[in-house]
Amino acid sequence: MAALQILENQGIKVLSAEARRRYAIGGATVDESTLIVRIDRGLVEQSLATAPRRMTLHAVDPERNMPLDGRAVVLAPAAGAPNIMDARHGRRAGTFEHLCNGIKLSQSFEIIHVLGEIAEPQDVPVNVRHLEMVRAHKG
C-alpha cells in the first residue's frame, strides 16, 4: 500500500492552519515548521472502520440517485486540474472553453455518472471561478 507509506513516512504538506489543527486533534503528527502532516496507517484503518458502508449520491432527479454500497461503480472524470493537454497543442492552462468542452465530452458517454470540473478555467477571475464552473454544468 504505497498510499499508506506516503501518508506515514513522507506525509502531505497542508497549507491551512485550521486543517493542520484538525489533523492533530484527529491523531495525526503535525510538523508546524514544515507544514507536513503524517498519518499513521493505524489511524487510517481506524477511520475507515468508522466510515459508513453505504451512502447515496443524490441527483436532482431521484431516479438518478447512485447508491454506493461496495457493489456499485460510479465513474467520473478527473476534476480540478489547472492545466489541460492534448496531442495537438500540448500542455497549457485550462480555460472556460476547455471546461465546457470537457463537460460536453463527458456528457456524451452514457457511463459517466458524476461530472466534475474537468479543467479549472484560469481565464475566469478567482472570485467568481467556482460560480462560473457550476453554471457551465447547467448548460
Protein backbone atom coordinates (compact mmCIF):
# COMPACT_ATOMS: atom_id res chain seq x y z
CA MET A 1 0.00 0.00 0.00
CA ALA A 2 2.03 2.89 -1.36
CA ALA A 3 -0.53 5.48 -0.25
CA LEU A 4 -0.21 4.40 3.38
CA GLN A 5 3.58 4.51 3.18
CA ILE A 6 3.45 8.05 1.78
CA LEU A 7 0.99 9.21 4.45
CA GLU A 8 3.08 7.67 7.23
CA ASN A 9 6.61 8.48 6.09
CA GLN A 10 6.63 11.37 3.63
CA GLY A 11 3.40 12.98 4.76
CA ILE A 12 1.47 15.71 2.99
CA LYS A 13 2.03 19.44 3.06
CA VAL A 14 -1.08 21.12 4.46
CA LEU A 15 -1.16 24.88 4.00
CA SER A 16 -4.26 25.54 6.10
CA ALA A 17 -3.51 26.08 9.80
CA GLU A 18 -7.07 25.09 10.66
CA ALA A 19 -6.73 21.83 8.70
CA ARG A 20 -3.43 21.06 10.46
CA ARG A 21 -5.10 21.71 13.81
CA ARG A 22 -7.89 19.30 12.92
CA TYR A 23 -5.42 16.65 11.77
CA ALA A 24 -3.60 16.99 15.10
CA ILE A 25 -6.86 16.68 17.06
CA GLY A 26 -7.63 13.56 15.00
CA GLY A 27 -4.35 11.94 15.94
CA ALA A 28 -2.03 12.79 13.04
CA THR A 29 1.52 14.02 13.58
CA VAL A 30 1.91 17.66 12.53
CA ASP A 31 5.24 19.41 11.96
CA GLU A 32 4.42 23.12 12.05
CA SER A 33 7.91 24.13 10.86
CA THR A 34 7.46 22.29 7.55
CA LEU A 35 3.63 22.23 7.45
CA ILE A 36 3.88 18.43 6.95
CA VAL A 37 1.15 16.16 8.32
CA ARG A 38 1.90 12.45 8.75
CA ILE A 39 -0.92 9.99 9.24
CA ASP A 40 -0.19 6.60 10.78
CA ARG A 41 -1.70 3.60 8.96
CA GLY A 42 -3.43 2.59 12.19
CA LEU A 43 -5.25 5.92 12.23
CA VAL A 44 -6.27 5.41 8.58
CA GLU A 45 -7.57 1.89 9.36
CA GLN A 46 -9.40 3.14 12.45
CA SER A 47 -11.04 5.93 10.42
CA LEU A 48 -12.04 3.55 7.63
CA ALA A 49 -13.64 1.23 10.18
CA THR A 50 -15.98 4.05 11.24
CA ALA A 51 -16.91 5.11 7.69
CA PRO A 52 -20.44 4.24 6.59
CA ARG A 53 -20.67 1.11 4.43
CA ARG A 54 -23.45 2.61 2.33
CA MET A 55 -24.20 6.10 1.11
CA THR A 56 -26.09 7.66 -1.76
CA LEU A 57 -25.04 10.31 -4.24
CA HIS A 58 -28.23 12.31 -4.67
CA ALA A 59 -29.22 13.67 -8.07
CA VAL A 60 -31.72 16.38 -8.91
CA ASP A 61 -33.89 13.59 -10.34
CA PRO A 62 -34.23 10.97 -7.56
CA GLU A 63 -34.41 8.21 -10.16
CA ARG A 64 -30.78 9.02 -10.99
CA ASN A 65 -29.52 8.69 -7.40
CA MET A 66 -26.42 6.47 -7.21
CA PRO A 67 -26.13 4.10 -4.25
CA LEU A 68 -22.56 3.46 -3.12
CA ASP A 69 -22.55 0.21 -1.20
CA GLY A 70 -19.48 -1.75 -2.25
CA ARG A 71 -21.22 -3.30 -5.23
CA ALA A 72 -21.75 -0.15 -7.28
CA VAL A 73 -19.25 1.50 -9.57
CA VAL A 74 -19.59 5.23 -10.11
CA LEU A 75 -17.49 6.69 -12.91
CA ALA A 76 -16.36 10.31 -13.02
CA PRO A 77 -13.73 12.23 -14.98
CA ALA A 78 -10.81 13.71 -13.11
CA ALA A 79 -11.59 17.14 -11.72
CA GLY A 80 -9.82 20.31 -10.71
CA ALA A 81 -6.78 20.18 -12.96
CA PRO A 82 -5.40 23.68 -13.62
CA ASN A 83 -3.95 22.56 -16.97
CA ILE A 84 -5.09 20.54 -19.93
CA MET A 85 -3.10 18.64 -22.51
CA ASP A 86 -3.69 17.12 -25.90
CA ALA A 87 -1.54 15.70 -28.69
CA ARG A 88 -2.03 18.70 -30.97
CA HIS A 89 -1.39 21.64 -28.64
CA GLY A 90 0.48 20.08 -25.69
CA ARG A 91 0.11 21.21 -22.08
CA ARG A 92 -1.42 24.62 -21.34
CA ALA A 93 -3.56 26.46 -18.80
CA GLY A 94 -7.19 25.42 -18.70
CA THR A 95 -9.77 27.91 -19.93
CA PHE A 96 -13.53 28.22 -19.63
CA GLU A 97 -13.83 26.86 -23.16
CA HIS A 98 -11.78 23.79 -22.18
CA LEU A 99 -14.05 23.25 -19.18
CA CYS A 100 -17.19 23.44 -21.34
CA ASN A 101 -15.71 21.11 -23.97
CA GLY A 102 -14.75 18.61 -21.26
CA ILE A 103 -18.26 18.70 -19.83
CA LYS A 104 -19.78 18.11 -23.29
CA LEU A 105 -17.39 15.24 -23.95
CA SER A 106 -18.19 13.64 -20.58
CA GLN A 107 -21.92 14.02 -21.16
CA SER A 108 -21.62 12.20 -24.48
CA PHE A 109 -20.70 8.99 -22.64
CA GLU A 110 -23.66 7.22 -21.05
CA ILE A 111 -21.45 5.51 -18.47
CA ILE A 112 -20.19 8.64 -16.69
CA HIS A 113 -22.32 9.18 -13.60
CA VAL A 114 -20.81 12.28 -11.99
CA LEU A 115 -19.30 15.34 -13.61
CA GLY A 116 -16.55 17.41 -12.09
CA GLU A 117 -14.62 20.49 -13.02
CA ILE A 118 -12.67 18.89 -15.90
CA ALA A 119 -10.27 21.83 -16.15
CA GLU A 120 -10.09 24.83 -13.89
CA PRO A 121 -10.62 27.88 -16.11
CA GLN A 122 -7.61 30.09 -15.49
CA ASP A 123 -9.18 32.81 -17.66
CA VAL A 124 -12.03 33.35 -15.17
CA PRO A 125 -11.36 35.59 -12.14
CA VAL A 126 -10.82 33.58 -8.96
CA ASN A 127 -13.57 35.39 -7.04
CA VAL A 128 -16.26 34.07 -9.45
CA ARG A 129 -14.50 30.99 -10.88
CA HIS A 130 -16.43 28.44 -8.84
CA LEU A 131 -19.75 30.10 -9.70
CA GLU A 132 -18.94 30.05 -13.41
CA MET A 133 -17.81 26.43 -13.23
CA VAL A 134 -21.10 25.40 -11.61
CA ARG A 135 -23.04 27.42 -14.21
CA ALA A 136 -21.17 25.63 -17.02
CA HIS A 137 -22.60 22.32 -15.81
CA LYS A 138 -26.13 23.62 -16.22
CA GLY A 139 -25.50 24.28 -19.89
